């Protein structure tokens, strides 16, 4: 046999082998790709189904929370404190494929950022007394007082920066990306993160003590934190230093009541008549966590309870973050 013929046959067999290996490799890659896409589609479907299920369960928990607040009003309670049913956290409750837990938080136990400004002649202007109380709170929390002036400029109607630490359009339009202050009341305390150089660390320190509620929401003395109470007292840290005693007394009743709040009669009357302090609340936040398999769903719902019609309605919902 011709040697060259043998060489050609060997070459052909080698090419055929390589071709076969390539075909098998391509078929394997295609099979893996199809299988992987199928797995992703399956996981995506399961996740979407779990999120939908979590949303519906969270809505049910929200309705349950609203019913608790409604029953509290129907029971004739004139005071909202930590001894009532609404203040008891909801333990984990089994649901199909997971569990749901949560609780209600009295948002009027916090300082209302929207109270830093007031309506005057149709515009929002600085409320000096509220600003002073907020500066005292910032001092207690070891934060710079300048942020009170920065927040006022974020809220008030004019475009003139407050002296010496205010910030208006001239500051924010020079940033990248540029933006402008809203010059109106806010709906979420998280808007503080938009303040120039405020930062996440300051926000985390301040967030548990502030809220963004409509005008006229009083601070509930029965549920306010010791820091907020001390800011109302002038920053002398009376309640902050007695924190453990405050916690123990609040397990039994409203503390401090309007009668016990250690302010001079004139100042106490001024705060009471000025809708600054009280012993009841209309705004509560339902914090709801749902776990379905490996999927977690979080709902924060701000509930408003009217005093006359006994209605409880959600006025603001957020998912994942407060």
C-alpha atoms as a PDB file:
ATOM      1  CA  UNK A   1       0.000   0.000   0.000  1.00  0.00           C
ATOM      2  CA  UNK A   2       1.149   3.503  -0.849  1.00  0.00           C
ATOM      3  CA  UNK A   3       2.584   5.213   2.260  1.00  0.00           C
ATOM      4  CA  UNK A   4       1.009   8.531   1.260  1.00  0.00           C
ATOM      5  CA  UNK A   5      -2.412   6.852   1.186  1.00  0.00           C
ATOM      6  CA  UNK A   6      -1.943   5.637   4.737  1.00  0.00           C
ATOM      7  CA  UNK A   7      -1.016   9.144   5.840  1.00  0.00           C
ATOM      8  CA  UNK A   8      -4.153  10.600   4.238  1.00  0.00           C
ATOM      9  CA  UNK A   9      -6.340   7.986   5.963  1.00  0.00           C
ATOM     10  CA  UNK A  10      -4.753   8.766   9.339  1.00  0.00           C
ATOM     11  CA  UNK A  11      -5.256  12.470   8.814  1.00  0.00           C
ATOM     12  CA  UNK A  12      -8.904  11.961   7.906  1.00  0.00           C
ATOM     13  CA  UNK A  13      -9.480   9.831  10.978  1.00  0.00           C
ATOM     14  CA  UNK A  14      -7.849  12.512  13.162  1.00  0.00           C
ATOM     15  CA  UNK A  15     -10.049  15.243  11.676  1.00  0.00           C
ATOM     16  CA  UNK A  16     -13.149  13.061  12.195  1.00  0.00           C
ATOM     17  CA  UNK A  17     -12.189  12.469  15.827  1.00  0.00           C
ATOM     18  CA  UNK A  18     -11.652  16.168  16.468  1.00  0.00           C
ATOM     19  CA  UNK A  19     -14.957  16.978  14.761  1.00  0.00           C
ATOM     20  CA  UNK A  20     -16.750  14.402  16.910  1.00  0.00           C
ATOM     21  CA  UNK A  21     -15.196  15.844  20.082  1.00  0.00           C
ATOM     22  CA  UNK A  22     -16.235  19.362  19.054  1.00  0.00           C
ATOM     23  CA  UNK A  23     -19.798  18.221  18.326  1.00  0.00           C
ATOM     24  CA  UNK A  24     -20.029  16.527  21.725  1.00  0.00           C
ATOM     25  CA  UNK A  25     -18.575  19.612  23.448  1.00  0.00           C
ATOM     26  CA  UNK A  26     -21.011  21.941  21.684  1.00  0.00           C
ATOM     27  CA  UNK A  27     -23.924  19.645  22.513  1.00  0.00           C
ATOM     28  CA  UNK A  28     -22.816  19.579  26.164  1.00  0.00           C
ATOM     29  CA  UNK A  29     -22.505  23.381  26.307  1.00  0.00           C
ATOM     30  CA  UNK A  30     -25.943  23.753  24.716  1.00  0.00           C
ATOM     31  CA  UNK A  31     -27.486  21.246  27.136  1.00  0.00           C
ATOM     32  CA  UNK A  32     -25.903  22.966  30.152  1.00  0.00           C
ATOM     33  CA  UNK A  33     -27.024  26.382  28.908  1.00  0.00           C
ATOM     34  CA  UNK A  34     -30.601  25.190  28.358  1.00  0.00           C
ATOM     35  CA  UNK A  35     -30.638  23.513  31.771  1.00  0.00           C
ATOM     36  CA  UNK A  36     -29.208  26.581  33.504  1.00  0.00           C
ATOM     37  CA  UNK A  37     -31.732  28.888  31.870  1.00  0.00           C
ATOM     38  CA  UNK A  38     -34.488  26.524  32.854  1.00  0.00           C
ATOM     39  CA  UNK A  39     -33.234  26.527  36.446  1.00  0.00           C
ATOM     40  CA  UNK A  40     -33.102  30.343  36.482  1.00  0.00           C
ATOM     41  CA  UNK A  41     -36.633  30.538  35.065  1.00  0.00           C
ATOM     42  CA  UNK A  42     -37.811  28.121  37.732  1.00  0.00           C
ATOM     43  CA  UNK A  43     -36.115  30.078  40.541  1.00  0.00           C
ATOM     44  CA  UNK A  44     -37.434  33.341  39.130  1.00  0.00           C
ATOM     45  CA  UNK A  45     -40.961  31.950  39.068  1.00  0.00           C
ATOM     46  CA  UNK A  46     -40.682  30.614  42.618  1.00  0.00           C
ATOM     47  CA  UNK A  47     -39.298  33.948  43.852  1.00  0.00           C
ATOM     48  CA  UNK A  48     -42.015  35.983  42.143  1.00  0.00           C
ATOM     49  CA  UNK A  49     -44.678  33.659  43.508  1.00  0.00           C
ATOM     50  CA  UNK A  50     -43.164  33.925  47.003  1.00  0.00           C
ATOM     51  CA  UNK A  51     -43.038  37.723  46.772  1.00  0.00           C
ATOM     52  CA  UNK A  52     -46.677  37.851  45.680  1.00  0.00           C
ATOM     53  CA  UNK A  53     -47.603  35.513  48.511  1.00  0.00           C
ATOM     54  CA  UNK A  54     -45.533  37.583  50.969  1.00  0.00           C
ATOM     55  CA  UNK A  55     -47.254  40.782  49.815  1.00  0.00           C
ATOM     56  CA  UNK A  56     -50.712  39.319  50.381  1.00  0.00           C
ATOM     57  CA  UNK A  57     -49.743  38.004  53.820  1.00  0.00           C
ATOM     58  CA  UNK A  58     -48.261  41.398  54.721  1.00  0.00           C
ATOM     59  CA  UNK A  59     -51.505  43.092  53.688  1.00  0.00           C
ATOM     60  CA  UNK A  60     -53.371  40.735  55.990  1.00  0.00           C
ATOM     61  CA  UNK A  61     -50.996  41.558  58.854  1.00  0.00           C
ATOM     62  CA  UNK A  62     -51.483  45.271  58.148  1.00  0.00           C
ATOM     63  CA  UNK A  63     -55.272  44.830  58.366  1.00  0.00           C
ATOM     64  CA  UNK A  64     -54.794  42.948  61.635  1.00  0.00           C
ATOM     65  CA  UNK A  65     -52.701  45.810  63.034  1.00  0.00           C
ATOM     66  CA  UNK A  66     -55.332  48.337  61.930  1.00  0.00           C
ATOM     67  CA  UNK A  67     -58.020  46.280  63.682  1.00  0.00           C
ATOM     68  CA  UNK A  68     -56.005  46.314  66.925  1.00  0.00           C
ATOM     69  CA  UNK A  69     -55.803  50.112  66.779  1.00  0.00           C
ATOM     70  CA  UNK A  70     -59.514  50.338  65.992  1.00  0.00           C
ATOM     71  CA  UNK A  71     -60.428  48.164  68.976  1.00  0.00           C
ATOM     72  CA  UNK A  72     -58.187  50.287  71.190  1.00  0.00           C
ATOM     73  CA  UNK A  73     -60.250  53.345  70.272  1.00  0.00           C
ATOM     74  CA  UNK A  74     -63.564  51.529  70.669  1.00  0.00           C
ATOM     75  CA  UNK A  75     -62.445  50.496  74.154  1.00  0.00           C
ATOM     76  CA  UNK A  76     -62.595  54.154  75.173  1.00  0.00           C
ATOM     77  CA  UNK A  77     -58.875  54.563  75.810  1.00  0.00           C
ATOM     78  CA  UNK A  78     -57.788  58.213  75.947  1.00  0.00           C
ATOM     79  CA  UNK A  79     -54.127  57.442  76.554  1.00  0.00           C
ATOM     80  CA  UNK A  80     -51.714  55.477  74.361  1.00  0.00           C
ATOM     81  CA  UNK A  81     -48.885  53.808  76.258  1.00  0.00           C
ATOM     82  CA  UNK A  82     -46.831  50.617  76.278  1.00  0.00           C
ATOM     83  CA  UNK A  83     -49.296  48.662  78.446  1.00  0.00           C
ATOM     84  CA  UNK A  84     -51.851  48.440  75.622  1.00  0.00           C
ATOM     85  CA  UNK A  85     -52.352  45.599  73.157  1.00  0.00           C
ATOM     86  CA  UNK A  86     -50.995  47.557  70.169  1.00  0.00           C
ATOM     87  CA  UNK A  87     -47.578  47.806  71.892  1.00  0.00           C
ATOM     88  CA  UNK A  88     -47.181  44.029  72.140  1.00  0.00           C
ATOM     89  CA  UNK A  89     -45.016  42.617  69.312  1.00  0.00           C
ATOM     90  CA  UNK A  90     -46.553  39.940  67.116  1.00  0.00           C
ATOM     91  CA  UNK A  91     -44.573  36.702  67.566  1.00  0.00           C
ATOM     92  CA  UNK A  92     -43.680  34.629  64.485  1.00  0.00           C
ATOM     93  CA  UNK A  93     -46.881  33.044  63.163  1.00  0.00           C
ATOM     94  CA  UNK A  94     -46.649  30.052  60.780  1.00  0.00           C
ATOM     95  CA  UNK A  95     -48.113  30.555  57.306  1.00  0.00           C
ATOM     96  CA  UNK A  96     -48.066  28.365  54.226  1.00  0.00           C
ATOM     97  CA  UNK A  97     -44.385  27.875  53.437  1.00  0.00           C
ATOM     98  CA  UNK A  98     -43.012  30.274  56.044  1.00  0.00           C
ATOM     99  CA  UNK A  99     -43.902  32.711  58.825  1.00  0.00           C
ATOM    100  CA  UNK A 100     -44.949  36.302  59.506  1.00  0.00           C
ATOM    101  CA  UNK A 101     -44.007  38.569  62.418  1.00  0.00           C
ATOM    102  CA  UNK A 102     -44.095  42.256  63.219  1.00  0.00           C
ATOM    103  CA  UNK A 103     -45.309  44.979  65.525  1.00  0.00           C
ATOM    104  CA  UNK A 104     -46.696  48.484  65.850  1.00  0.00           C
ATOM    105  CA  UNK A 105     -44.632  51.547  66.679  1.00  0.00           C
ATOM    106  CA  UNK A 106     -46.030  54.855  67.888  1.00  0.00           C
ATOM    107  CA  UNK A 107     -44.511  57.408  65.521  1.00  0.00           C
ATOM    108  CA  UNK A 108     -45.654  60.253  67.761  1.00  0.00           C
ATOM    109  CA  UNK A 109     -43.051  59.145  70.254  1.00  0.00           C
ATOM    110  CA  UNK A 110     -40.523  60.772  67.903  1.00  0.00           C
ATOM    111  CA  UNK A 111     -39.650  64.346  66.976  1.00  0.00           C
ATOM    112  CA  UNK A 112     -41.606  65.458  63.899  1.00  0.00           C
ATOM    113  CA  UNK A 113     -39.175  67.020  61.416  1.00  0.00           C
ATOM    114  CA  UNK A 114     -42.039  68.830  59.703  1.00  0.00           C
ATOM    115  CA  UNK A 115     -42.648  70.815  62.886  1.00  0.00           C
ATOM    116  CA  UNK A 116     -39.425  72.765  62.234  1.00  0.00           C
ATOM    117  CA  UNK A 117     -41.423  75.027  59.913  1.00  0.00           C
ATOM    118  CA  UNK A 118     -44.874  76.593  60.194  1.00  0.00           C
ATOM    119  CA  UNK A 119     -47.295  78.308  57.849  1.00  0.00           C
ATOM    120  CA  UNK A 120     -47.198  82.084  58.015  1.00  0.00           C
ATOM    121  CA  UNK A 121     -48.875  84.289  55.396  1.00  0.00           C
ATOM    122  CA  UNK A 122     -49.184  81.344  53.050  1.00  0.00           C
ATOM    123  CA  UNK A 123     -45.522  80.281  53.182  1.00  0.00           C
ATOM    124  CA  UNK A 124     -43.455  77.888  55.248  1.00  0.00           C
ATOM    125  CA  UNK A 125     -41.175  79.727  57.649  1.00  0.00           C
ATOM    126  CA  UNK A 126     -38.835  78.699  60.439  1.00  0.00           C
ATOM    127  CA  UNK A 127     -40.394  77.799  63.812  1.00  0.00           C
ATOM    128  CA  UNK A 128     -37.734  79.027  66.224  1.00  0.00           C
ATOM    129  CA  UNK A 129     -39.079  77.176  69.277  1.00  0.00           C
ATOM    130  CA  UNK A 130     -39.216  73.844  67.452  1.00  0.00           C
ATOM    131  CA  UNK A 131     -35.742  74.416  66.019  1.00  0.00           C
ATOM    132  CA  UNK A 132     -34.374  75.052  69.494  1.00  0.00           C
ATOM    133  CA  UNK A 133     -35.898  71.799  70.782  1.00  0.00           C
ATOM    134  CA  UNK A 134     -34.428  69.933  67.828  1.00  0.00           C
ATOM    135  CA  UNK A 135     -30.977  71.410  68.428  1.00  0.00           C
ATOM    136  CA  UNK A 136     -31.178  70.145  72.007  1.00  0.00           C
ATOM    137  CA  UNK A 137     -32.015  66.672  70.683  1.00  0.00           C
ATOM    138  CA  UNK A 138     -29.047  66.822  68.303  1.00  0.00           C
ATOM    139  CA  UNK A 139     -26.803  67.803  71.210  1.00  0.00           C
ATOM    140  CA  UNK A 140     -28.035  64.868  73.306  1.00  0.00           C
ATOM    141  CA  UNK A 141     -27.285  62.536  70.385  1.00  0.00           C
ATOM    142  CA  UNK A 142     -23.843  64.155  69.958  1.00  0.00           C
ATOM    143  CA  UNK A 143     -24.631  65.494  66.490  1.00  0.00           C
ATOM    144  CA  UNK A 144     -23.803  68.964  65.198  1.00  0.00           C
ATOM    145  CA  UNK A 145     -26.507  71.592  65.753  1.00  0.00           C
ATOM    146  CA  UNK A 146     -25.951  72.983  62.258  1.00  0.00           C
ATOM    147  CA  UNK A 147     -28.151  70.225  60.823  1.00  0.00           C
ATOM    148  CA  UNK A 148     -31.213  71.903  62.310  1.00  0.00           C
ATOM    149  CA  UNK A 149     -30.590  74.959  60.111  1.00  0.00           C
ATOM    150  CA  UNK A 150     -29.843  72.750  57.103  1.00  0.00           C
ATOM    151  CA  UNK A 151     -33.152  70.895  57.520  1.00  0.00           C
ATOM    152  CA  UNK A 152     -35.071  74.157  57.918  1.00  0.00           C
ATOM    153  CA  UNK A 153     -33.687  75.380  54.580  1.00  0.00           C
ATOM    154  CA  UNK A 154     -34.665  72.038  53.051  1.00  0.00           C
ATOM    155  CA  UNK A 155     -38.263  72.618  54.206  1.00  0.00           C
ATOM    156  CA  UNK A 156     -38.974  76.359  54.180  1.00  0.00           C
ATOM    157  CA  UNK A 157     -40.391  78.251  51.194  1.00  0.00           C
ATOM    158  CA  UNK A 158     -37.694  80.897  50.737  1.00  0.00           C
ATOM    159  CA  UNK A 159     -34.416  80.513  48.862  1.00  0.00           C
ATOM    160  CA  UNK A 160     -32.285  82.401  51.373  1.00  0.00           C
ATOM    161  CA  UNK A 161     -29.871  80.155  53.326  1.00  0.00           C
ATOM    162  CA  UNK A 162     -30.119  80.466  57.084  1.00  0.00           C
ATOM    163  CA  UNK A 163     -27.194  82.070  58.896  1.00  0.00           C
ATOM    164  CA  UNK A 164     -24.618  80.727  59.524  1.00  0.00           C
ATOM    165  CA  UNK A 165     -25.149  77.063  58.580  1.00  0.00           C
ATOM    166  CA  UNK A 166     -28.036  77.030  56.104  1.00  0.00           C
ATOM    167  CA  UNK A 167     -27.964  75.583  52.591  1.00  0.00           C
ATOM    168  CA  UNK A 168     -30.237  76.406  49.671  1.00  0.00           C
ATOM    169  CA  UNK A 169     -30.129  76.044  45.870  1.00  0.00           C
ATOM    170  CA  UNK A 170     -26.628  77.523  45.564  1.00  0.00           C
ATOM    171  CA  UNK A 171     -25.200  74.545  47.496  1.00  0.00           C
ATOM    172  CA  UNK A 172     -27.185  71.698  45.975  1.00  0.00           C
ATOM    173  CA  UNK A 173     -27.024  72.863  42.343  1.00  0.00           C
ATOM    174  CA  UNK A 174     -23.222  72.831  42.570  1.00  0.00           C
ATOM    175  CA  UNK A 175     -23.180  69.105  43.374  1.00  0.00           C
ATOM    176  CA  UNK A 176     -22.850  66.251  40.869  1.00  0.00           C
ATOM    177  CA  UNK A 177     -25.533  65.357  40.069  1.00  0.00           C
ATOM    178  CA  UNK A 178     -27.184  68.684  40.827  1.00  0.00           C
ATOM    179  CA  UNK A 179     -30.584  68.917  42.511  1.00  0.00           C
ATOM    180  CA  UNK A 180     -32.693  71.391  44.453  1.00  0.00           C
ATOM    181  CA  UNK A 181     -34.241  71.374  47.940  1.00  0.00           C
ATOM    182  CA  UNK A 182     -37.993  70.604  47.813  1.00  0.00           C
ATOM    183  CA  UNK A 183     -38.910  73.679  49.923  1.00  0.00           C
ATOM    184  CA  UNK A 184     -41.911  71.800  51.273  1.00  0.00           C
ATOM    185  CA  UNK A 185     -42.710  69.386  54.050  1.00  0.00           C
ATOM    186  CA  UNK A 186     -41.338  65.872  53.635  1.00  0.00           C
ATOM    187  CA  UNK A 187     -43.023  62.452  53.760  1.00  0.00           C
ATOM    188  CA  UNK A 188     -40.082  60.311  54.937  1.00  0.00           C
ATOM    189  CA  UNK A 189     -37.293  60.917  57.403  1.00  0.00           C
ATOM    190  CA  UNK A 190     -34.937  59.206  54.935  1.00  0.00           C
ATOM    191  CA  UNK A 191     -34.911  62.479  52.953  1.00  0.00           C
ATOM    192  CA  UNK A 192     -32.272  63.555  55.461  1.00  0.00           C
ATOM    193  CA  UNK A 193     -29.820  61.522  53.396  1.00  0.00           C
ATOM    194  CA  UNK A 194     -30.209  64.104  50.622  1.00  0.00           C
ATOM    195  CA  UNK A 195     -28.734  66.838  52.847  1.00  0.00           C
ATOM    196  CA  UNK A 196     -25.263  67.883  51.717  1.00  0.00           C
ATOM    197  CA  UNK A 197     -22.624  65.843  53.611  1.00  0.00           C
ATOM    198  CA  UNK A 198     -25.153  64.442  56.109  1.00  0.00           C
ATOM    199  CA  UNK A 199     -24.135  60.833  55.503  1.00  0.00           C
ATOM    200  CA  UNK A 200     -25.442  57.419  56.496  1.00  0.00           C
ATOM    201  CA  UNK A 201     -23.760  57.303  59.921  1.00  0.00           C
ATOM    202  CA  UNK A 202     -25.486  60.463  61.158  1.00  0.00           C
ATOM    203  CA  UNK A 203     -28.761  59.195  59.714  1.00  0.00           C
ATOM    204  CA  UNK A 204     -28.498  55.884  61.562  1.00  0.00           C
ATOM    205  CA  UNK A 205     -27.886  57.719  64.825  1.00  0.00           C
ATOM    206  CA  UNK A 206     -30.762  60.173  64.359  1.00  0.00           C
ATOM    207  CA  UNK A 207     -33.370  58.017  62.579  1.00  0.00           C
ATOM    208  CA  UNK A 208     -34.783  56.220  65.688  1.00  0.00           C
ATOM    209  CA  UNK A 209     -35.728  59.593  67.203  1.00  0.00           C
ATOM    210  CA  UNK A 210     -37.313  61.454  64.275  1.00  0.00           C
ATOM    211  CA  UNK A 211     -40.229  61.062  61.900  1.00  0.00           C
ATOM    212  CA  UNK A 212     -42.036  62.961  59.158  1.00  0.00           C
ATOM    213  CA  UNK A 213     -45.707  63.403  60.036  1.00  0.00           C
ATOM    214  CA  UNK A 214     -48.412  65.891  59.057  1.00  0.00           C
ATOM    215  CA  UNK A 215     -48.746  69.143  60.950  1.00  0.00           C
ATOM    216  CA  UNK A 216     -50.381  68.978  64.376  1.00  0.00           C
ATOM    217  CA  UNK A 217     -49.060  65.557  65.415  1.00  0.00           C
ATOM    218  CA  UNK A 218     -48.175  65.953  69.089  1.00  0.00           C
ATOM    219  CA  UNK A 219     -45.287  64.223  70.815  1.00  0.00           C
ATOM    220  CA  UNK A 220     -46.776  61.489  73.014  1.00  0.00           C
ATOM    221  CA  UNK A 221     -45.059  61.747  76.395  1.00  0.00           C
ATOM    222  CA  UNK A 222     -46.054  58.159  77.223  1.00  0.00           C
ATOM    223  CA  UNK A 223     -44.057  56.685  74.325  1.00  0.00           C
ATOM    224  CA  UNK A 224     -41.384  59.296  73.592  1.00  0.00           C
ATOM    225  CA  UNK A 225     -37.788  58.189  74.045  1.00  0.00           C
ATOM    226  CA  UNK A 226     -35.832  59.605  77.012  1.00  0.00           C
ATOM    227  CA  UNK A 227     -33.755  61.624  74.526  1.00  0.00           C
ATOM    228  CA  UNK A 228     -36.835  63.321  73.053  1.00  0.00           C
ATOM    229  CA  UNK A 229     -38.242  63.968  76.539  1.00  0.00           C
ATOM    230  CA  UNK A 230     -34.982  65.600  77.629  1.00  0.00           C
ATOM    231  CA  UNK A 231     -34.992  67.791  74.514  1.00  0.00           C
ATOM    232  CA  UNK A 232     -38.436  69.042  75.573  1.00  0.00           C
ATOM    233  CA  UNK A 233     -37.065  69.746  79.054  1.00  0.00           C
ATOM    234  CA  UNK A 234     -34.146  71.841  77.834  1.00  0.00           C
ATOM    235  CA  UNK A 235     -31.546  69.115  77.360  1.00  0.00           C
ATOM    236  CA  UNK A 236     -30.741  68.397  81.017  1.00  0.00           C
ATOM    237  CA  UNK A 237     -30.759  64.583  80.445  1.00  0.00           C
ATOM    238  CA  UNK A 238     -33.100  63.886  83.372  1.00  0.00           C
ATOM    239  CA  UNK A 239     -34.885  61.014  81.605  1.00  0.00           C
ATOM    240  CA  UNK A 240     -31.811  59.801  79.703  1.00  0.00           C
ATOM    241  CA  UNK A 241     -29.941  59.192  82.949  1.00  0.00           C
ATOM    242  CA  UNK A 242     -32.997  57.459  84.457  1.00  0.00           C
ATOM    243  CA  UNK A 243     -33.616  55.276  81.370  1.00  0.00           C
ATOM    244  CA  UNK A 244     -33.985  51.975  83.274  1.00  0.00           C
ATOM    245  CA  UNK A 245     -36.482  53.499  85.677  1.00  0.00           C
ATOM    246  CA  UNK A 246     -38.475  54.920  82.753  1.00  0.00           C
ATOM    247  CA  UNK A 247     -38.609  51.483  81.107  1.00  0.00           C
ATOM    248  CA  UNK A 248     -39.844  49.797  84.290  1.00  0.00           C
ATOM    249  CA  UNK A 249     -42.538  52.405  84.979  1.00  0.00           C
ATOM    250  CA  UNK A 250     -43.783  52.197  81.389  1.00  0.00           C
ATOM    251  CA  UNK A 251     -44.505  48.505  81.870  1.00  0.00           C
ATOM    252  CA  UNK A 252     -47.222  49.561  84.322  1.00  0.00           C
ATOM    253  CA  UNK A 253     -48.663  52.860  83.033  1.00  0.00           C
ATOM    254  CA  UNK A 254     -48.144  56.022  81.029  1.00  0.00           C
ATOM    255  CA  UNK A 255     -44.959  57.682  82.177  1.00  0.00           C
ATOM    256  CA  UNK A 256     -44.444  60.566  82.364  1.00  0.00           C
ATOM    257  CA  UNK A 257     -48.022  61.804  82.267  1.00  0.00           C
ATOM    258  CA  UNK A 258     -48.800  65.439  81.535  1.00  0.00           C
ATOM    259  CA  UNK A 259     -49.141  66.033  85.270  1.00  0.00           C
ATOM    260  CA  UNK A 260     -45.782  64.403  86.033  1.00  0.00           C
ATOM    261  CA  UNK A 261     -43.798  66.032  83.257  1.00  0.00           C
ATOM    262  CA  UNK A 262     -41.340  68.251  85.189  1.00  0.00           C
ATOM    263  CA  UNK A 263     -41.907  71.561  83.442  1.00  0.00           C
ATOM    264  CA  UNK A 264     -42.963  74.873  84.876  1.00  0.00           C
ATOM    265  CA  UNK A 265     -46.727  75.337  84.670  1.00  0.00           C
ATOM    266  CA  UNK A 266     -46.430  78.152  82.148  1.00  0.00           C
ATOM    267  CA  UNK A 267     -44.114  76.274  79.805  1.00  0.00           C
ATOM    268  CA  UNK A 268     -46.143  73.066  80.122  1.00  0.00           C
ATOM    269  CA  UNK A 269     -49.337  74.950  79.280  1.00  0.00           C
ATOM    270  CA  UNK A 270     -47.595  76.546  76.312  1.00  0.00           C
ATOM    271  CA  UNK A 271     -46.519  73.159  74.936  1.00  0.00           C
ATOM    272  CA  UNK A 272     -49.940  71.615  75.552  1.00  0.00           C
ATOM    273  CA  UNK A 273     -51.946  74.431  73.993  1.00  0.00           C
ATOM    274  CA  UNK A 274     -49.458  74.669  71.126  1.00  0.00           C
ATOM    275  CA  UNK A 275     -50.151  71.040  70.139  1.00  0.00           C
ATOM    276  CA  UNK A 276     -46.595  70.032  71.013  1.00  0.00           C
ATOM    277  CA  UNK A 277     -47.155  67.382  73.712  1.00  0.00           C
ATOM    278  CA  UNK A 278     -49.971  65.043  74.683  1.00  0.00           C
ATOM    279  CA  UNK A 279     -50.764  61.532  75.910  1.00  0.00           C
ATOM    280  CA  UNK A 280     -52.430  59.982  72.838  1.00  0.00           C
ATOM    281  CA  UNK A 281     -51.457  59.200  69.266  1.00  0.00           C
ATOM    282  CA  UNK A 282     -52.999  58.950  65.809  1.00  0.00           C
ATOM    283  CA  UNK A 283     -50.002  57.850  63.734  1.00  0.00           C
ATOM    284  CA  UNK A 284     -48.533  54.366  64.064  1.00  0.00           C
ATOM    285  CA  UNK A 285     -46.167  52.388  61.864  1.00  0.00           C
ATOM    286  CA  UNK A 286     -46.738  48.696  61.269  1.00  0.00           C
ATOM    287  CA  UNK A 287     -43.428  46.872  60.798  1.00  0.00           C
ATOM    288  CA  UNK A 288     -44.136  43.530  59.115  1.00  0.00           C
ATOM    289  CA  UNK A 289     -41.689  40.792  58.093  1.00  0.00           C
ATOM    290  CA  UNK A 290     -42.741  37.802  55.990  1.00  0.00           C
ATOM    291  CA  UNK A 291     -40.503  34.834  55.181  1.00  0.00           C
ATOM    292  CA  UNK A 292     -41.573  32.347  52.491  1.00  0.00           C
ATOM    293  CA  UNK A 293     -38.901  29.707  51.952  1.00  0.00           C
ATOM    294  CA  UNK A 294     -35.723  31.646  51.257  1.00  0.00           C
ATOM    295  CA  UNK A 295     -37.617  34.802  50.200  1.00  0.00           C
ATOM    296  CA  UNK A 296     -38.079  37.666  52.667  1.00  0.00           C
ATOM    297  CA  UNK A 297     -40.637  40.448  52.259  1.00  0.00           C
ATOM    298  CA  UNK A 298     -40.727  43.564  54.443  1.00  0.00           C
ATOM    299  CA  UNK A 299     -43.556  46.096  54.713  1.00  0.00           C
ATOM    300  CA  UNK A 300     -43.531  49.391  56.601  1.00  0.00           C
ATOM    301  CA  UNK A 301     -47.002  50.920  56.704  1.00  0.00           C
ATOM    302  CA  UNK A 302     -47.844  54.279  58.293  1.00  0.00           C
ATOM    303  CA  UNK A 303     -51.361  53.989  59.733  1.00  0.00           C
ATOM    304  CA  UNK A 304     -53.553  56.966  60.608  1.00  0.00           C
ATOM    305  CA  UNK A 305     -56.256  56.517  63.234  1.00  0.00           C
ATOM    306  CA  UNK A 306     -59.012  59.116  63.293  1.00  0.00           C
ATOM    307  CA  UNK A 307     -60.407  59.922  66.692  1.00  0.00           C
ATOM    308  CA  UNK A 308     -64.051  60.461  65.743  1.00  0.00           C
ATOM    309  CA  UNK A 309     -64.974  57.833  63.137  1.00  0.00           C
ATOM    310  CA  UNK A 310     -62.715  55.078  64.562  1.00  0.00           C
ATOM    311  CA  UNK A 311     -61.251  54.494  61.107  1.00  0.00           C
ATOM    312  CA  UNK A 312     -57.676  53.313  60.628  1.00  0.00           C
ATOM    313  CA  UNK A 313     -56.205  53.837  57.166  1.00  0.00           C
ATOM    314  CA  UNK A 314     -52.727  53.334  55.647  1.00  0.00           C
ATOM    315  CA  UNK A 315     -51.410  56.651  54.345  1.00  0.00           C
ATOM    316  CA  UNK A 316     -47.903  55.592  53.329  1.00  0.00           C
ATOM    317  CA  UNK A 317     -46.346  52.224  52.500  1.00  0.00           C
ATOM    318  CA  UNK A 318     -42.745  51.310  51.769  1.00  0.00           C
ATOM    319  CA  UNK A 319     -41.212  47.942  50.988  1.00  0.00           C
ATOM    320  CA  UNK A 320     -37.796  46.858  52.145  1.00  0.00           C
ATOM    321  CA  UNK A 321     -36.773  50.152  53.797  1.00  0.00           C
ATOM    322  CA  UNK A 322     -38.556  52.450  56.243  1.00  0.00           C
END
